[in-house]
Amino acid sequence: MERLTEHDHRLHARALREDFPYEVERGDLVDALAAIALRESMHRHIVVQRGSRIREAMEMGATWYEMAAALDHPG
């Protein structure tokens, strides 16, 4: 997450005007590609863990309504 934040800060700095009064490091293509790759890696990890967490919650007694709420689905 820290690496992603660093890339994102540099990419956001690209939107600052050229005469911005403070020295900033502006992002480049490497930052953009790294941010994409890091987000995809995080997404895959979250998706893989989702089923396990659902099963654990159900084993601990979660109701379908609680599960729907946790998944942000209308119940």
N, C-alpha and C. Protein backbone atom coordinates (compact mmCIF):
# COMPACT_ATOMS: atom_id res chain seq x y z
N MET A 1 0.83 -1.19 0.00
CA MET A 1 0.00 0.00 0.00
C MET A 1 0.87 1.25 0.00
N GLU A 2 1.99 1.19 0.73
CA GLU A 2 2.88 2.36 0.77
C GLU A 2 3.45 2.66 -0.62
N ARG A 3 3.83 1.62 -1.33
CA ARG A 3 4.36 1.83 -2.69
C ARG A 3 3.31 2.44 -3.60
N LEU A 4 2.09 1.95 -3.50
CA LEU A 4 1.00 2.49 -4.31
C LEU A 4 0.78 3.96 -3.98
N THR A 5 0.80 4.29 -2.70
CA THR A 5 0.61 5.67 -2.27
C THR A 5 1.69 6.58 -2.85
N GLU A 6 2.93 6.12 -2.85
CA GLU A 6 4.03 6.91 -3.41
C GLU A 6 3.80 7.18 -4.90
N HIS A 7 3.44 6.14 -5.64
CA HIS A 7 3.17 6.31 -7.07
C HIS A 7 2.00 7.26 -7.29
N ASP A 8 0.94 7.08 -6.50
CA ASP A 8 -0.24 7.93 -6.63
C ASP A 8 0.07 9.40 -6.34
N HIS A 9 0.87 9.64 -5.32
CA HIS A 9 1.23 11.04 -5.00
C HIS A 9 1.96 11.69 -6.17
N ARG A 10 2.90 10.96 -6.75
CA ARG A 10 3.62 11.53 -7.90
C ARG A 10 2.68 11.75 -9.08
N LEU A 11 1.77 10.82 -9.31
CA LEU A 11 0.83 10.97 -10.42
C LEU A 11 -0.13 12.14 -10.18
N HIS A 12 -0.58 12.32 -8.94
CA HIS A 12 -1.45 13.45 -8.63
C HIS A 12 -0.71 14.77 -8.79
N ALA A 13 0.58 14.76 -8.54
CA ALA A 13 1.38 15.99 -8.67
C ALA A 13 1.42 16.48 -10.11
N ARG A 14 1.16 15.61 -11.06
CA ARG A 14 1.14 16.02 -12.48
C ARG A 14 0.06 17.07 -12.73
N ALA A 15 -0.99 17.06 -11.91
CA ALA A 15 -2.10 18.00 -12.11
C ALA A 15 -1.80 19.38 -11.54
N LEU A 16 -0.73 19.50 -10.76
CA LEU A 16 -0.38 20.80 -10.19
C LEU A 16 0.14 21.73 -11.28
N ARG A 17 -0.12 22.98 -11.13
CA ARG A 17 0.35 23.94 -12.14
C ARG A 17 1.88 23.97 -12.15
N GLU A 18 2.43 24.36 -13.27
CA GLU A 18 3.88 24.35 -13.44
C GLU A 18 4.59 25.27 -12.46
N ASP A 19 3.95 26.37 -12.07
CA ASP A 19 4.60 27.30 -11.15
C ASP A 19 4.20 27.03 -9.68
N PHE A 20 3.85 25.78 -9.37
CA PHE A 20 3.51 25.41 -8.01
C PHE A 20 4.67 25.82 -7.10
N PRO A 21 4.39 26.47 -5.97
CA PRO A 21 5.44 27.09 -5.17
C PRO A 21 6.37 26.11 -4.44
N TYR A 22 6.04 24.85 -4.38
CA TYR A 22 6.88 23.89 -3.67
C TYR A 22 7.42 22.86 -4.66
N GLU A 23 8.56 22.32 -4.31
CA GLU A 23 9.15 21.30 -5.18
C GLU A 23 8.38 20.00 -5.01
N VAL A 24 7.94 19.45 -6.12
CA VAL A 24 7.22 18.18 -6.10
C VAL A 24 7.81 17.27 -7.17
N GLU A 25 7.71 15.99 -6.92
CA GLU A 25 8.13 15.02 -7.91
C GLU A 25 6.89 14.61 -8.69
N ARG A 26 6.94 14.81 -9.99
CA ARG A 26 5.78 14.50 -10.82
C ARG A 26 5.91 13.09 -11.40
N GLY A 27 4.78 12.41 -11.43
CA GLY A 27 4.76 11.04 -11.90
C GLY A 27 5.02 10.92 -13.38
N ASP A 28 5.39 9.72 -13.77
CA ASP A 28 5.66 9.42 -15.18
C ASP A 28 5.03 8.08 -15.54
N LEU A 29 5.35 7.59 -16.71
CA LEU A 29 4.78 6.34 -17.18
C LEU A 29 5.09 5.18 -16.24
N VAL A 30 6.29 5.15 -15.69
CA VAL A 30 6.66 4.09 -14.75
C VAL A 30 5.72 4.10 -13.55
N ASP A 31 5.41 5.27 -13.03
CA ASP A 31 4.49 5.38 -11.90
C ASP A 31 3.10 4.89 -12.28
N ALA A 32 2.63 5.27 -13.45
CA ALA A 32 1.29 4.86 -13.88
C ALA A 32 1.21 3.34 -14.03
N LEU A 33 2.19 2.74 -14.66
CA LEU A 33 2.18 1.29 -14.84
C LEU A 33 2.34 0.56 -13.52
N ALA A 34 3.19 1.07 -12.65
CA ALA A 34 3.38 0.44 -11.34
C ALA A 34 2.09 0.52 -10.53
N ALA A 35 1.40 1.66 -10.57
CA ALA A 35 0.15 1.81 -9.83
C ALA A 35 -0.91 0.82 -10.34
N ILE A 36 -0.97 0.65 -11.65
CA ILE A 36 -1.91 -0.32 -12.23
C ILE A 36 -1.58 -1.73 -11.75
N ALA A 37 -0.31 -2.10 -11.84
CA ALA A 37 0.12 -3.45 -11.44
C ALA A 37 -0.15 -3.70 -9.96
N LEU A 38 0.15 -2.73 -9.12
CA LEU A 38 -0.08 -2.90 -7.68
C LEU A 38 -1.56 -3.03 -7.37
N ARG A 39 -2.40 -2.22 -8.02
CA ARG A 39 -3.84 -2.32 -7.78
C ARG A 39 -4.38 -3.68 -8.23
N GLU A 40 -3.90 -4.17 -9.37
CA GLU A 40 -4.35 -5.48 -9.85
C GLU A 40 -3.94 -6.59 -8.90
N SER A 41 -2.73 -6.50 -8.37
CA SER A 41 -2.26 -7.50 -7.41
C SER A 41 -3.12 -7.49 -6.15
N MET A 42 -3.43 -6.31 -5.66
CA MET A 42 -4.27 -6.17 -4.47
C MET A 42 -5.67 -6.72 -4.75
N HIS A 43 -6.20 -6.41 -5.92
CA HIS A 43 -7.54 -6.87 -6.29
C HIS A 43 -7.58 -8.40 -6.32
N ARG A 44 -6.58 -9.03 -6.94
CA ARG A 44 -6.56 -10.49 -7.01
C ARG A 44 -6.50 -11.09 -5.61
N HIS A 45 -5.70 -10.50 -4.75
CA HIS A 45 -5.59 -11.01 -3.38
C HIS A 45 -6.93 -10.91 -2.66
N ILE A 46 -7.61 -9.80 -2.82
CA ILE A 46 -8.91 -9.60 -2.17
C ILE A 46 -9.93 -10.61 -2.68
N VAL A 47 -9.96 -10.83 -3.98
CA VAL A 47 -10.91 -11.76 -4.58
C VAL A 47 -10.65 -13.18 -4.08
N VAL A 48 -9.39 -13.57 -4.02
CA VAL A 48 -9.04 -14.92 -3.57
C VAL A 48 -9.48 -15.13 -2.12
N GLN A 49 -9.30 -14.13 -1.28
CA GLN A 49 -9.63 -14.25 0.14
C GLN A 49 -11.13 -14.14 0.42
N ARG A 50 -11.90 -13.59 -0.50
CA ARG A 50 -13.33 -13.34 -0.26
C ARG A 50 -14.09 -14.61 0.12
N GLY A 51 -13.92 -15.65 -0.65
CA GLY A 51 -14.64 -16.90 -0.38
C GLY A 51 -14.31 -17.47 0.99
N SER A 52 -13.05 -17.43 1.36
CA SER A 52 -12.64 -17.94 2.66
C SER A 52 -13.28 -17.15 3.79
N ARG A 53 -13.33 -15.85 3.64
CA ARG A 53 -13.91 -15.01 4.69
C ARG A 53 -15.42 -15.21 4.79
N ILE A 54 -16.08 -15.40 3.66
CA ILE A 54 -17.52 -15.67 3.68
C ILE A 54 -17.78 -16.98 4.40
N ARG A 55 -17.02 -18.01 4.06
CA ARG A 55 -17.19 -19.31 4.71
C ARG A 55 -16.97 -19.20 6.22
N GLU A 56 -15.92 -18.49 6.62
CA GLU A 56 -15.64 -18.32 8.05
C GLU A 56 -16.78 -17.60 8.76
N ALA A 57 -17.29 -16.55 8.14
CA ALA A 57 -18.39 -15.81 8.77
C ALA A 57 -19.63 -16.69 8.91
N MET A 58 -19.91 -17.47 7.88
CA MET A 58 -21.07 -18.37 7.96
C MET A 58 -20.88 -19.42 9.05
N GLU A 59 -19.65 -19.95 9.14
CA GLU A 59 -19.36 -20.95 10.18
C GLU A 59 -19.49 -20.36 11.58
N MET A 60 -19.26 -19.05 11.69
CA MET A 60 -19.37 -18.38 12.99
C MET A 60 -20.79 -17.92 13.27
N GLY A 61 -21.72 -18.20 12.35
CA GLY A 61 -23.12 -17.91 12.62
C GLY A 61 -23.70 -16.69 11.93
N ALA A 62 -22.99 -16.12 10.98
CA ALA A 62 -23.55 -14.96 10.27
C ALA A 62 -24.81 -15.37 9.52
N THR A 63 -25.78 -14.47 9.53
CA THR A 63 -27.00 -14.72 8.76
C THR A 63 -26.79 -14.25 7.33
N TRP A 64 -27.68 -14.65 6.45
CA TRP A 64 -27.59 -14.19 5.06
C TRP A 64 -27.78 -12.68 4.97
N TYR A 65 -28.61 -12.13 5.85
CA TYR A 65 -28.81 -10.68 5.86
C TYR A 65 -27.54 -9.95 6.30
N GLU A 66 -26.87 -10.49 7.31
CA GLU A 66 -25.60 -9.90 7.74
C GLU A 66 -24.55 -10.00 6.64
N MET A 67 -24.54 -11.14 5.96
CA MET A 67 -23.60 -11.34 4.87
C MET A 67 -23.88 -10.34 3.75
N ALA A 68 -25.14 -10.16 3.42
CA ALA A 68 -25.51 -9.20 2.37
C ALA A 68 -25.06 -7.80 2.75
N ALA A 69 -25.25 -7.42 4.00
CA ALA A 69 -24.87 -6.11 4.47
C ALA A 69 -23.34 -5.94 4.38
N ALA A 70 -22.61 -6.98 4.77
CA ALA A 70 -21.15 -6.91 4.73
C ALA A 70 -20.65 -6.80 3.28
N LEU A 71 -21.38 -7.44 2.36
CA LEU A 71 -21.01 -7.38 0.95
C LEU A 71 -21.62 -6.16 0.24
N ASP A 72 -22.34 -5.35 1.00
CA ASP A 72 -22.97 -4.14 0.48
C ASP A 72 -24.00 -4.44 -0.60
N HIS A 73 -24.77 -5.50 -0.37
CA HIS A 73 -25.87 -5.85 -1.26
C HIS A 73 -27.18 -5.61 -0.51
N PRO A 74 -28.20 -5.14 -1.19
CA PRO A 74 -29.49 -4.96 -0.52
C PRO A 74 -30.03 -6.30 -0.05
N GLY A 75 -30.59 -6.32 1.13
CA GLY A 75 -31.05 -7.58 1.71
C GLY A 75 -32.45 -7.89 1.49
